[in-house]
Amino acid sequence: MDSYVIFKHLHMTAVVLSGLLFMVRGLWLLQGSTQLQAKWVKITPHVIDTLLLFSAIAMLVVAQQFPVWVHVKITLLVVYIGLGVMAFKKAKTQGQKLTFLLAAVAVYVFLISVALAKSPAGFFA
């Protein structure tokens, strides 16, 4: 199997796991669950995101390409992370937490749209 394909499958798996875990953690945040304090819950997102970043860089190196839509994905990733930080660390009220969580999920969905469409406008082009 081609190394690009291996990195792509690793990347796609990490994308799904990252999004699912984010949503589960978001629900726990809104419920005030003590699960958020579990050691695995604090460590696992960093492991998944490291695999996500490693696989993305590996695909770019192997493909020797850096198309415009990749720049958009990187920018959206930074926004997604920022919204997550706001939801989990900075927001004080339930309304603020919910707003930041929903915004982060919207950015996540748009980021996937950009990746699948391989277009800076995603499926909205």
N, C-alpha and C. Protein backbone atom coordinates (compact mmCIF):
# COMPACT_ATOMS: atom_id res chain seq x y z
N MET A 1 0.85 -1.18 0.00
CA MET A 1 0.00 0.00 0.00
C MET A 1 0.90 1.24 0.00
N ASP A 2 0.50 2.21 -0.73
CA ASP A 2 1.19 3.49 -0.86
C ASP A 2 1.24 4.21 0.50
N SER A 3 2.39 4.82 0.84
CA SER A 3 2.52 5.50 2.14
C SER A 3 1.53 6.65 2.28
N TYR A 4 1.22 7.35 1.16
CA TYR A 4 0.25 8.43 1.22
C TYR A 4 -1.11 7.89 1.69
N VAL A 5 -1.50 6.75 1.15
CA VAL A 5 -2.80 6.16 1.49
C VAL A 5 -2.83 5.77 2.97
N ILE A 6 -1.73 5.24 3.48
CA ILE A 6 -1.65 4.88 4.90
C ILE A 6 -1.83 6.12 5.77
N PHE A 7 -1.10 7.20 5.44
CA PHE A 7 -1.22 8.44 6.21
C PHE A 7 -2.62 9.03 6.09
N LYS A 8 -3.21 8.92 4.91
CA LYS A 8 -4.56 9.45 4.70
C LYS A 8 -5.57 8.72 5.58
N HIS A 9 -5.47 7.39 5.63
CA HIS A 9 -6.39 6.61 6.47
C HIS A 9 -6.18 6.91 7.96
N LEU A 10 -4.93 7.04 8.36
CA LEU A 10 -4.63 7.42 9.75
C LEU A 10 -5.24 8.79 10.06
N HIS A 11 -5.07 9.72 9.12
CA HIS A 11 -5.59 11.08 9.29
C HIS A 11 -7.12 11.07 9.41
N MET A 12 -7.78 10.36 8.51
CA MET A 12 -9.24 10.34 8.53
C MET A 12 -9.77 9.69 9.81
N THR A 13 -9.08 8.65 10.26
CA THR A 13 -9.48 8.01 11.52
C THR A 13 -9.33 8.98 12.68
N ALA A 14 -8.22 9.70 12.71
CA ALA A 14 -7.97 10.68 13.78
C ALA A 14 -9.00 11.82 13.73
N VAL A 15 -9.39 12.22 12.53
CA VAL A 15 -10.40 13.28 12.38
C VAL A 15 -11.71 12.84 13.03
N VAL A 16 -12.13 11.63 12.72
CA VAL A 16 -13.39 11.12 13.27
C VAL A 16 -13.30 10.98 14.79
N LEU A 17 -12.21 10.38 15.27
CA LEU A 17 -12.05 10.21 16.72
C LEU A 17 -11.99 11.55 17.44
N SER A 18 -11.28 12.51 16.87
CA SER A 18 -11.17 13.83 17.48
C SER A 18 -12.54 14.49 17.60
N GLY A 19 -13.31 14.45 16.52
CA GLY A 19 -14.64 15.06 16.53
C GLY A 19 -15.59 14.38 17.49
N LEU A 20 -15.59 13.05 17.48
CA LEU A 20 -16.47 12.31 18.39
C LEU A 20 -16.13 12.58 19.85
N LEU A 21 -14.84 12.53 20.17
CA LEU A 21 -14.44 12.78 21.55
C LEU A 21 -14.73 14.22 21.96
N PHE A 22 -14.56 15.16 21.04
CA PHE A 22 -14.89 16.55 21.34
C PHE A 22 -16.36 16.69 21.69
N MET A 23 -17.22 16.03 20.91
CA MET A 23 -18.66 16.14 21.16
C MET A 23 -19.05 15.47 22.48
N VAL A 24 -18.44 14.33 22.77
CA VAL A 24 -18.73 13.66 24.05
C VAL A 24 -18.27 14.54 25.21
N ARG A 25 -17.07 15.08 25.09
CA ARG A 25 -16.56 15.96 26.15
C ARG A 25 -17.44 17.20 26.28
N GLY A 26 -17.94 17.71 25.15
CA GLY A 26 -18.84 18.86 25.18
C GLY A 26 -20.12 18.56 25.93
N LEU A 27 -20.68 17.38 25.68
CA LEU A 27 -21.89 16.98 26.43
C LEU A 27 -21.59 16.86 27.91
N TRP A 28 -20.46 16.26 28.25
CA TRP A 28 -20.07 16.16 29.65
C TRP A 28 -19.90 17.54 30.28
N LEU A 29 -19.33 18.47 29.51
CA LEU A 29 -19.14 19.83 30.01
C LEU A 29 -20.48 20.46 30.35
N LEU A 30 -21.43 20.32 29.44
CA LEU A 30 -22.75 20.92 29.65
C LEU A 30 -23.50 20.25 30.81
N GLN A 31 -23.22 18.97 31.04
CA GLN A 31 -23.87 18.24 32.13
C GLN A 31 -23.14 18.42 33.46
N GLY A 32 -21.95 19.01 33.42
CA GLY A 32 -21.16 19.16 34.64
C GLY A 32 -20.61 17.84 35.13
N SER A 33 -20.36 16.92 34.22
CA SER A 33 -19.91 15.57 34.56
C SER A 33 -18.49 15.56 35.12
N THR A 34 -18.29 14.70 36.09
CA THR A 34 -16.94 14.51 36.64
C THR A 34 -16.06 13.70 35.69
N GLN A 35 -16.66 13.11 34.66
CA GLN A 35 -15.88 12.35 33.67
C GLN A 35 -14.79 13.21 33.03
N LEU A 36 -15.03 14.51 32.95
CA LEU A 36 -14.04 15.42 32.35
C LEU A 36 -12.73 15.42 33.12
N GLN A 37 -12.78 15.00 34.37
CA GLN A 37 -11.57 14.99 35.20
C GLN A 37 -10.79 13.69 35.10
N ALA A 38 -11.34 12.70 34.40
CA ALA A 38 -10.66 11.42 34.25
C ALA A 38 -9.36 11.61 33.47
N LYS A 39 -8.34 10.90 33.90
CA LYS A 39 -7.01 11.06 33.28
C LYS A 39 -7.04 10.77 31.78
N TRP A 40 -7.73 9.71 31.38
CA TRP A 40 -7.76 9.35 29.96
C TRP A 40 -8.45 10.43 29.13
N VAL A 41 -9.43 11.12 29.73
CA VAL A 41 -10.16 12.17 29.02
C VAL A 41 -9.26 13.39 28.80
N LYS A 42 -8.34 13.61 29.72
CA LYS A 42 -7.41 14.74 29.60
C LYS A 42 -6.26 14.44 28.64
N ILE A 43 -5.86 13.16 28.54
CA ILE A 43 -4.70 12.78 27.73
C ILE A 43 -5.07 12.43 26.29
N THR A 44 -6.15 11.67 26.12
CA THR A 44 -6.51 11.14 24.81
C THR A 44 -6.65 12.20 23.71
N PRO A 45 -7.29 13.34 23.96
CA PRO A 45 -7.39 14.33 22.88
C PRO A 45 -6.02 14.79 22.37
N HIS A 46 -5.05 14.90 23.25
CA HIS A 46 -3.72 15.33 22.83
C HIS A 46 -3.03 14.26 21.98
N VAL A 47 -3.24 13.00 22.33
CA VAL A 47 -2.67 11.89 21.54
C VAL A 47 -3.30 11.87 20.15
N ILE A 48 -4.63 11.95 20.11
CA ILE A 48 -5.34 11.93 18.83
C ILE A 48 -4.93 13.13 17.98
N ASP A 49 -4.86 14.31 18.57
CA ASP A 49 -4.51 15.50 17.80
C ASP A 49 -3.07 15.46 17.31
N THR A 50 -2.19 14.81 18.08
CA THR A 50 -0.80 14.64 17.63
C THR A 50 -0.76 13.73 16.40
N LEU A 51 -1.52 12.63 16.43
CA LEU A 51 -1.61 11.75 15.27
C LEU A 51 -2.22 12.48 14.08
N LEU A 52 -3.20 13.31 14.34
CA LEU A 52 -3.85 14.10 13.30
C LEU A 52 -2.84 15.02 12.62
N LEU A 53 -2.09 15.74 13.41
CA LEU A 53 -1.09 16.66 12.87
C LEU A 53 0.04 15.91 12.15
N PHE A 54 0.55 14.84 12.78
CA PHE A 54 1.61 14.05 12.17
C PHE A 54 1.18 13.51 10.81
N SER A 55 -0.01 12.94 10.74
CA SER A 55 -0.47 12.35 9.49
C SER A 55 -0.69 13.43 8.42
N ALA A 56 -1.17 14.59 8.82
CA ALA A 56 -1.37 15.69 7.86
C ALA A 56 -0.04 16.14 7.28
N ILE A 57 0.94 16.34 8.14
CA ILE A 57 2.27 16.76 7.67
C ILE A 57 2.87 15.68 6.78
N ALA A 58 2.73 14.43 7.18
CA ALA A 58 3.27 13.32 6.39
C ALA A 58 2.65 13.28 5.00
N MET A 59 1.34 13.50 4.91
CA MET A 59 0.68 13.51 3.60
C MET A 59 1.21 14.65 2.73
N LEU A 60 1.42 15.82 3.32
CA LEU A 60 1.94 16.95 2.56
C LEU A 60 3.36 16.68 2.07
N VAL A 61 4.17 16.06 2.91
CA VAL A 61 5.56 15.75 2.53
C VAL A 61 5.57 14.71 1.40
N VAL A 62 4.79 13.66 1.57
CA VAL A 62 4.76 12.59 0.56
C VAL A 62 4.20 13.12 -0.77
N ALA A 63 3.15 13.90 -0.72
CA ALA A 63 2.52 14.42 -1.93
C ALA A 63 3.32 15.56 -2.54
N GLN A 64 4.15 16.19 -1.75
CA GLN A 64 4.94 17.35 -2.17
C GLN A 64 4.05 18.44 -2.78
N GLN A 65 2.91 18.64 -2.13
CA GLN A 65 1.97 19.67 -2.57
C GLN A 65 1.43 20.39 -1.34
N PHE A 66 1.07 21.64 -1.54
CA PHE A 66 0.46 22.42 -0.46
C PHE A 66 -0.60 23.33 -1.08
N PRO A 67 -1.73 22.72 -1.52
CA PRO A 67 -2.75 23.50 -2.21
C PRO A 67 -3.42 24.53 -1.29
N VAL A 68 -4.09 25.49 -1.90
CA VAL A 68 -4.72 26.59 -1.17
C VAL A 68 -5.71 26.07 -0.11
N TRP A 69 -6.48 25.06 -0.45
CA TRP A 69 -7.48 24.57 0.50
C TRP A 69 -6.85 24.03 1.77
N VAL A 70 -5.59 23.62 1.70
CA VAL A 70 -4.89 23.15 2.92
C VAL A 70 -4.65 24.34 3.86
N HIS A 71 -4.33 25.49 3.30
CA HIS A 71 -4.17 26.69 4.12
C HIS A 71 -5.47 27.01 4.86
N VAL A 72 -6.59 26.85 4.16
CA VAL A 72 -7.89 27.10 4.77
C VAL A 72 -8.13 26.11 5.90
N LYS A 73 -7.79 24.84 5.68
CA LYS A 73 -7.96 23.82 6.73
C LYS A 73 -7.13 24.17 7.97
N ILE A 74 -5.92 24.62 7.77
CA ILE A 74 -5.05 24.97 8.89
C ILE A 74 -5.66 26.15 9.66
N THR A 75 -6.14 27.13 8.95
CA THR A 75 -6.77 28.29 9.59
C THR A 75 -8.01 27.86 10.37
N LEU A 76 -8.83 27.02 9.76
CA LEU A 76 -10.03 26.53 10.44
C LEU A 76 -9.68 25.70 11.67
N LEU A 77 -8.60 24.94 11.59
CA LEU A 77 -8.15 24.15 12.74
C LEU A 77 -7.80 25.06 13.91
N VAL A 78 -7.11 26.15 13.63
CA VAL A 78 -6.75 27.10 14.69
C VAL A 78 -8.02 27.71 15.30
N VAL A 79 -8.98 28.05 14.48
CA VAL A 79 -10.25 28.60 14.97
C VAL A 79 -10.99 27.56 15.82
N TYR A 80 -11.03 26.32 15.35
CA TYR A 80 -11.67 25.21 16.07
C TYR A 80 -11.04 25.01 17.44
N ILE A 81 -9.72 25.00 17.49
CA ILE A 81 -9.02 24.85 18.76
C ILE A 81 -9.33 26.02 19.68
N GLY A 82 -9.31 27.23 19.14
CA GLY A 82 -9.61 28.42 19.94
C GLY A 82 -11.00 28.37 20.53
N LEU A 83 -11.97 27.95 19.73
CA LEU A 83 -13.34 27.84 20.24
C LEU A 83 -13.44 26.76 21.31
N GLY A 84 -12.71 25.67 21.13
CA GLY A 84 -12.68 24.62 22.15
C GLY A 84 -12.10 25.11 23.45
N VAL A 85 -11.02 25.87 23.38
CA VAL A 85 -10.40 26.44 24.58
C VAL A 85 -11.39 27.37 25.27
N MET A 86 -12.08 28.18 24.48
CA MET A 86 -13.07 29.09 25.07
C MET A 86 -14.17 28.29 25.78
N ALA A 87 -14.65 27.22 25.14
CA ALA A 87 -15.74 26.43 25.73
C ALA A 87 -15.30 25.72 27.00
N PHE A 88 -14.13 25.09 26.98
CA PHE A 88 -13.71 24.25 28.10
C PHE A 88 -12.97 25.00 29.20
N LYS A 89 -12.35 26.12 28.87
CA LYS A 89 -11.51 26.77 29.87
C LYS A 89 -11.95 28.19 30.25
N LYS A 90 -12.54 28.91 29.31
CA LYS A 90 -12.81 30.34 29.56
C LYS A 90 -14.28 30.66 29.82
N ALA A 91 -15.19 29.94 29.17
CA ALA A 91 -16.61 30.25 29.31
C ALA A 91 -17.07 30.03 30.75
N LYS A 92 -17.87 30.95 31.24
CA LYS A 92 -18.33 30.89 32.63
C LYS A 92 -19.76 30.35 32.73
N THR A 93 -20.61 30.74 31.82
CA THR A 93 -22.01 30.33 31.91
C THR A 93 -22.31 29.17 30.96
N GLN A 94 -23.41 28.49 31.22
CA GLN A 94 -23.84 27.40 30.34
C GLN A 94 -24.10 27.92 28.93
N GLY A 95 -24.68 29.10 28.83
CA GLY A 95 -24.96 29.70 27.53
C GLY A 95 -23.68 29.94 26.74
N GLN A 96 -22.66 30.47 27.41
CA GLN A 96 -21.38 30.70 26.74
C GLN A 96 -20.75 29.37 26.30
N LYS A 97 -20.79 28.38 27.19
CA LYS A 97 -20.22 27.07 26.87
C LYS A 97 -20.92 26.49 25.65
N LEU A 98 -22.25 26.52 25.65
CA LEU A 98 -23.02 25.98 24.53
C LEU A 98 -22.72 26.72 23.23
N THR A 99 -22.64 28.03 23.31
CA THR A 99 -22.36 28.84 22.12
C THR A 99 -21.00 28.48 21.53
N PHE A 100 -19.97 28.40 22.37
CA PHE A 100 -18.63 28.07 21.87
C PHE A 100 -18.57 26.63 21.35
N LEU A 101 -19.26 25.71 22.03
CA LEU A 101 -19.29 24.31 21.57
C LEU A 101 -19.96 24.21 20.20
N LEU A 102 -21.10 24.85 20.03
CA LEU A 102 -21.81 24.80 18.75
C LEU A 102 -21.00 25.46 17.64
N ALA A 103 -20.34 26.57 17.96
CA ALA A 103 -19.49 27.23 16.97
C ALA A 103 -18.32 26.32 16.58
N ALA A 104 -17.73 25.63 17.55
CA ALA A 104 -16.62 24.72 17.27
C ALA A 104 -17.08 23.57 16.38
N VAL A 105 -18.25 23.02 16.66
CA VAL A 105 -18.77 21.93 15.84
C VAL A 105 -19.05 22.42 14.41
N ALA A 106 -19.59 23.62 14.28
CA ALA A 106 -19.84 24.19 12.95
C ALA A 106 -18.53 24.34 12.17
N VAL A 107 -17.50 24.82 12.83
CA VAL A 107 -16.19 24.97 12.18
C VAL A 107 -15.64 23.59 11.80
N TYR A 108 -15.79 22.61 12.69
CA TYR A 108 -15.34 21.24 12.43
C TYR A 108 -16.02 20.69 11.17
N VAL A 109 -17.33 20.86 11.08
CA VAL A 109 -18.08 20.37 9.92
C VAL A 109 -17.61 21.09 8.64
N PHE A 110 -17.40 22.40 8.72
CA PHE A 110 -16.93 23.14 7.55
C PHE A 110 -15.53 22.69 7.17
N LEU A 111 -14.68 22.42 8.15
CA LEU A 111 -13.31 21.94 7.89
C LEU A 111 -13.37 20.62 7.12
N ILE A 112 -14.23 19.71 7.54
CA ILE A 112 -14.39 18.44 6.82
C ILE A 112 -14.90 18.69 5.41
N SER A 113 -15.81 19.63 5.27
CA SER A 113 -16.34 20.00 3.96
C SER A 113 -15.22 20.48 3.03
N VAL A 114 -14.34 21.31 3.55
CA VAL A 114 -13.20 21.81 2.77
C VAL A 114 -12.31 20.65 2.34
N ALA A 115 -12.06 19.73 3.27
CA ALA A 115 -11.19 18.59 2.97
C ALA A 115 -11.80 17.68 1.90
N LEU A 116 -13.08 17.37 2.04
CA LEU A 116 -13.73 16.46 1.09
C LEU A 116 -13.88 17.09 -0.30
N ALA A 117 -14.22 18.38 -0.32
CA ALA A 117 -14.40 19.08 -1.60
C ALA A 117 -13.07 19.51 -2.21
N LYS A 118 -12.02 19.52 -1.37
CA LYS A 118 -10.70 20.02 -1.80
C LYS A 118 -10.84 21.42 -2.43
N SER A 119 -11.64 22.22 -1.71
CA SER A 119 -11.92 23.58 -2.13
C SER A 119 -11.98 24.47 -0.90
N PRO A 120 -11.43 25.70 -1.01
CA PRO A 120 -11.48 26.61 0.15
C PRO A 120 -12.91 26.93 0.61
N ALA A 121 -13.87 26.82 -0.27
CA ALA A 121 -15.27 27.10 0.08
C ALA A 121 -16.00 25.83 0.52
N GLY A 122 -15.34 24.70 0.53
CA GLY A 122 -15.98 23.45 0.90
C GLY A 122 -17.11 23.12 -0.04
N PHE A 123 -18.19 22.60 0.51
CA PHE A 123 -19.35 22.25 -0.31
C PHE A 123 -20.23 23.45 -0.59
N PHE A 124 -19.79 24.61 -0.12
CA PHE A 124 -20.59 25.82 -0.31
C PHE A 124 -20.19 26.60 -1.55
N ALA A 125 -19.34 26.00 -2.39
CA ALA A 125 -18.86 26.68 -3.61
C ALA A 125 -19.92 26.62 -4.69
